[in-house]
């Protein structure tokens, strides 16, 4: 069994980790289950994301799920382009805690 060490994140790293909230129809649907979705860097780990959200928003995080969305190849006026890869974090908050994504940090 692995021992979990508490992860500490500096204030600068915390602001770099939580880039922006994801405001979509799906993210507003999961907000009913006390979950919030954030866009994070590709090298961010789950313990770092948890520590950053707890530090910035002063809430208790129950779980963090991450996903990597591969960039699509798109065409604009016949010129091929590619969207960049994106990593998202779905953060589940403990009961009684809320984050209002419409206000800034």
Protein backbone atom coordinates (compact mmCIF):
# COMPACT_ATOMS: atom_id res chain seq x y z
CA UNK A 1 0.00 0.00 0.00
CA UNK A 2 1.34 3.40 -0.94
CA UNK A 3 1.55 6.12 1.65
CA UNK A 4 0.07 9.42 0.63
CA UNK A 5 2.16 12.47 1.32
CA UNK A 6 0.41 15.82 1.56
CA UNK A 7 1.17 17.96 -1.49
CA UNK A 8 1.90 21.63 -0.96
CA UNK A 9 1.55 24.09 -3.83
CA UNK A 10 2.91 27.62 -3.96
CA UNK A 11 0.53 30.50 -4.67
CA UNK A 12 2.05 31.10 -8.12
CA UNK A 13 1.75 27.41 -9.05
CA UNK A 14 -1.86 27.32 -7.77
CA UNK A 15 -2.84 30.20 -10.05
CA UNK A 16 -1.02 28.49 -12.95
CA UNK A 17 -2.79 25.17 -12.30
CA UNK A 18 -6.36 26.50 -12.35
CA UNK A 19 -6.48 28.22 -15.74
CA UNK A 20 -10.23 28.75 -16.18
CA UNK A 21 -13.57 27.18 -15.37
CA UNK A 22 -15.30 25.26 -18.15
CA UNK A 23 -18.76 26.73 -18.75
CA UNK A 24 -20.70 24.30 -20.94
CA UNK A 25 -24.07 22.63 -20.81
CA UNK A 26 -22.50 19.44 -19.47
CA UNK A 27 -20.52 21.26 -16.76
CA UNK A 28 -23.66 23.03 -15.54
CA UNK A 29 -25.47 19.68 -15.41
CA UNK A 30 -22.79 18.11 -13.18
CA UNK A 31 -22.88 21.15 -10.87
CA UNK A 32 -26.07 19.60 -9.44
CA UNK A 33 -23.82 16.84 -8.05
CA UNK A 34 -21.47 19.36 -6.39
CA UNK A 35 -18.85 19.11 -9.16
CA UNK A 36 -16.92 21.89 -10.93
CA UNK A 37 -14.85 21.59 -14.12
CA UNK A 38 -11.58 23.48 -14.66
CA UNK A 39 -9.10 23.72 -17.53
CA UNK A 40 -5.62 22.78 -16.26
CA UNK A 41 -2.10 22.36 -17.76
CA UNK A 42 -1.16 19.03 -19.33
CA UNK A 43 1.49 18.35 -16.65
CA UNK A 44 -0.85 18.91 -13.67
CA UNK A 45 -1.37 15.98 -11.29
CA UNK A 46 -4.48 15.17 -9.28
CA UNK A 47 -2.93 15.94 -5.85
CA UNK A 48 -1.64 19.29 -7.16
CA UNK A 49 -5.08 20.20 -8.55
CA UNK A 50 -6.74 19.25 -5.26
CA UNK A 51 -4.31 21.38 -3.23
CA UNK A 52 -4.69 24.35 -5.61
CA UNK A 53 -8.52 24.31 -5.53
CA UNK A 54 -8.57 23.99 -1.73
CA UNK A 55 -6.10 26.87 -1.40
CA UNK A 56 -7.67 29.27 -3.91
CA UNK A 57 -11.36 28.73 -3.18
CA UNK A 58 -11.16 27.74 0.54
CA UNK A 59 -13.25 24.58 0.04
CA UNK A 60 -12.83 20.87 0.86
CA UNK A 61 -12.26 18.65 -2.19
CA UNK A 62 -13.54 15.09 -2.07
CA UNK A 63 -12.14 13.80 -5.41
CA UNK A 64 -10.46 14.92 -8.63
CA UNK A 65 -11.01 13.24 -12.01
CA UNK A 66 -8.93 14.32 -15.01
CA UNK A 67 -9.23 13.84 -18.76
CA UNK A 68 -7.03 14.71 -21.71
CA UNK A 69 -8.86 15.94 -24.79
CA UNK A 70 -6.79 15.51 -27.94
CA UNK A 71 -6.76 18.46 -30.33
CA UNK A 72 -8.78 18.13 -33.51
CA UNK A 73 -7.47 18.77 -37.01
CA UNK A 74 -9.61 21.54 -38.49
CA UNK A 75 -9.73 23.31 -41.83
CA UNK A 76 -10.15 27.08 -42.23
CA UNK A 77 -10.42 28.50 -45.77
CA UNK A 78 -8.63 25.43 -47.12
CA UNK A 79 -5.70 25.77 -44.71
CA UNK A 80 -5.22 22.86 -42.34
CA UNK A 81 -4.82 23.70 -38.69
CA UNK A 82 -4.83 21.86 -35.41
CA UNK A 83 -6.38 22.69 -32.06
CA UNK A 84 -4.10 22.23 -29.07
CA UNK A 85 -4.53 19.39 -26.58
CA UNK A 86 -6.47 20.29 -23.42
CA UNK A 87 -6.57 18.73 -19.97
CA UNK A 88 -9.70 19.16 -17.84
CA UNK A 89 -10.21 18.44 -14.15
CA UNK A 90 -13.62 17.56 -12.73
CA UNK A 91 -13.46 18.43 -9.03
CA UNK A 92 -15.98 16.89 -6.64
CA UNK A 93 -16.53 19.05 -3.56
CA UNK A 94 -17.41 17.83 -0.07
CA UNK A 95 -20.97 18.27 1.16
CA UNK A 96 -21.73 21.84 2.20
CA UNK A 97 -19.02 23.41 0.01
CA UNK A 98 -19.73 25.38 -3.17
CA UNK A 99 -17.75 27.31 -5.80
CA UNK A 100 -19.41 30.11 -7.73
CA UNK A 101 -17.63 30.05 -11.11
CA UNK A 102 -19.30 33.27 -12.28
CA UNK A 103 -17.12 35.34 -9.90
CA UNK A 104 -13.34 35.72 -10.17
CA UNK A 105 -10.67 34.61 -7.72
